[in-house]
Amino acid sequence: MALYDNVGGFAPLPLMEDVDFVRRLGRRRLTRIGARCIASARRYRRDGYLRRSLRNLVCLSLYFGGVPPARIARLYR
């Protein structure tokens, strides 16, 4: 928890809070934590795998391009 607190934890963003956190954490401090993550494939099944993947890539590109997460969130749904 010290590292989490040290980098400021998750920012209160509507989207991309995980990307923001990892960027602040830095590549050198990334490590496996030995935990499992379970995620839903609901959006992929609903939208199609290619379409959802492309949408995610566009959202990530917009974020890296400086578009505010609140605007990107509207596209993500």
Protein backbone atom coordinates (compact mmCIF):
# COMPACT_ATOMS: atom_id res chain seq x y z
CA MET A 1 0.00 0.00 0.00
CA ALA A 2 2.91 2.36 0.56
CA LEU A 3 3.77 2.45 -3.15
CA TYR A 4 0.10 2.94 -4.05
CA ASP A 5 -0.11 5.87 -1.64
CA ASN A 6 3.27 7.20 -2.72
CA VAL A 7 2.14 7.60 -6.34
CA GLY A 8 -1.20 9.09 -5.29
CA GLY A 9 -3.49 6.08 -5.82
CA PHE A 10 -6.15 6.08 -8.50
CA ALA A 11 -7.17 9.52 -9.73
CA PRO A 12 -10.91 10.27 -9.72
CA LEU A 13 -11.24 10.01 -13.51
CA PRO A 14 -14.32 8.68 -15.34
CA LEU A 15 -12.06 6.58 -17.60
CA MET A 16 -8.35 5.83 -18.04
CA GLU A 17 -7.69 5.89 -14.29
CA ASP A 18 -5.73 2.66 -14.64
CA VAL A 19 -3.60 4.04 -17.47
CA ASP A 20 -2.98 7.22 -15.50
CA PHE A 21 -1.94 5.18 -12.45
CA VAL A 22 0.47 2.96 -14.40
CA ARG A 23 2.06 6.00 -16.06
CA ARG A 24 2.65 7.62 -12.67
CA LEU A 25 3.95 4.33 -11.28
CA GLY A 26 6.57 4.04 -14.01
CA ARG A 27 7.86 1.09 -15.96
CA ARG A 28 10.64 0.25 -13.48
CA ARG A 29 8.19 -0.28 -10.64
CA LEU A 30 5.81 -2.59 -12.51
CA THR A 31 5.83 -6.12 -11.16
CA ARG A 32 3.61 -9.17 -11.00
CA ILE A 33 1.48 -9.30 -7.91
CA GLY A 34 0.36 -12.91 -8.07
CA ALA A 35 -3.35 -12.11 -8.22
CA ARG A 36 -6.00 -13.06 -10.71
CA CYS A 37 -8.17 -10.58 -12.53
CA ILE A 38 -11.59 -11.54 -13.78
CA ALA A 39 -13.14 -9.28 -16.38
CA SER A 40 -16.38 -9.43 -18.29
CA ALA A 41 -16.46 -10.02 -22.04
CA ARG A 42 -19.98 -8.55 -22.24
CA ARG A 43 -18.98 -5.46 -24.25
CA TYR A 44 -16.86 -7.56 -26.61
CA ARG A 45 -19.73 -9.96 -27.25
CA ARG A 46 -22.21 -7.10 -27.67
CA ASP A 47 -20.04 -4.91 -29.94
CA GLY A 48 -17.91 -7.58 -31.60
CA TYR A 49 -14.29 -8.26 -30.72
CA LEU A 50 -12.75 -6.25 -33.55
CA ARG A 51 -15.01 -3.24 -33.08
CA ARG A 52 -14.51 -3.15 -29.29
CA SER A 53 -10.73 -3.53 -29.66
CA LEU A 54 -10.61 -0.67 -32.15
CA ARG A 55 -12.75 1.51 -29.91
CA ASN A 56 -10.41 0.84 -26.99
CA LEU A 57 -7.40 1.70 -29.14
CA VAL A 58 -9.02 4.95 -30.28
CA CYS A 59 -9.84 5.87 -26.67
CA LEU A 60 -6.28 5.15 -25.57
CA SER A 61 -4.87 7.18 -28.48
CA LEU A 62 -7.12 10.11 -27.62
CA TYR A 63 -5.98 9.95 -24.00
CA PHE A 64 -2.31 9.98 -25.02
CA GLY A 65 -3.15 12.84 -27.37
CA GLY A 66 -4.38 14.95 -24.46
CA VAL A 67 -8.15 14.63 -24.81
CA PRO A 68 -9.82 14.87 -21.37
CA PRO A 69 -11.05 11.51 -19.99
CA ALA A 70 -14.59 12.89 -19.56
CA ARG A 71 -14.84 13.41 -23.33
CA ILE A 72 -13.33 10.00 -24.07
CA ALA A 73 -15.81 8.33 -21.69
CA ARG A 74 -18.66 9.29 -24.02
CA LEU A 75 -17.07 7.25 -26.82
CA TYR A 76 -16.23 4.28 -24.63
CA ARG A 77 -19.74 3.17 -23.76
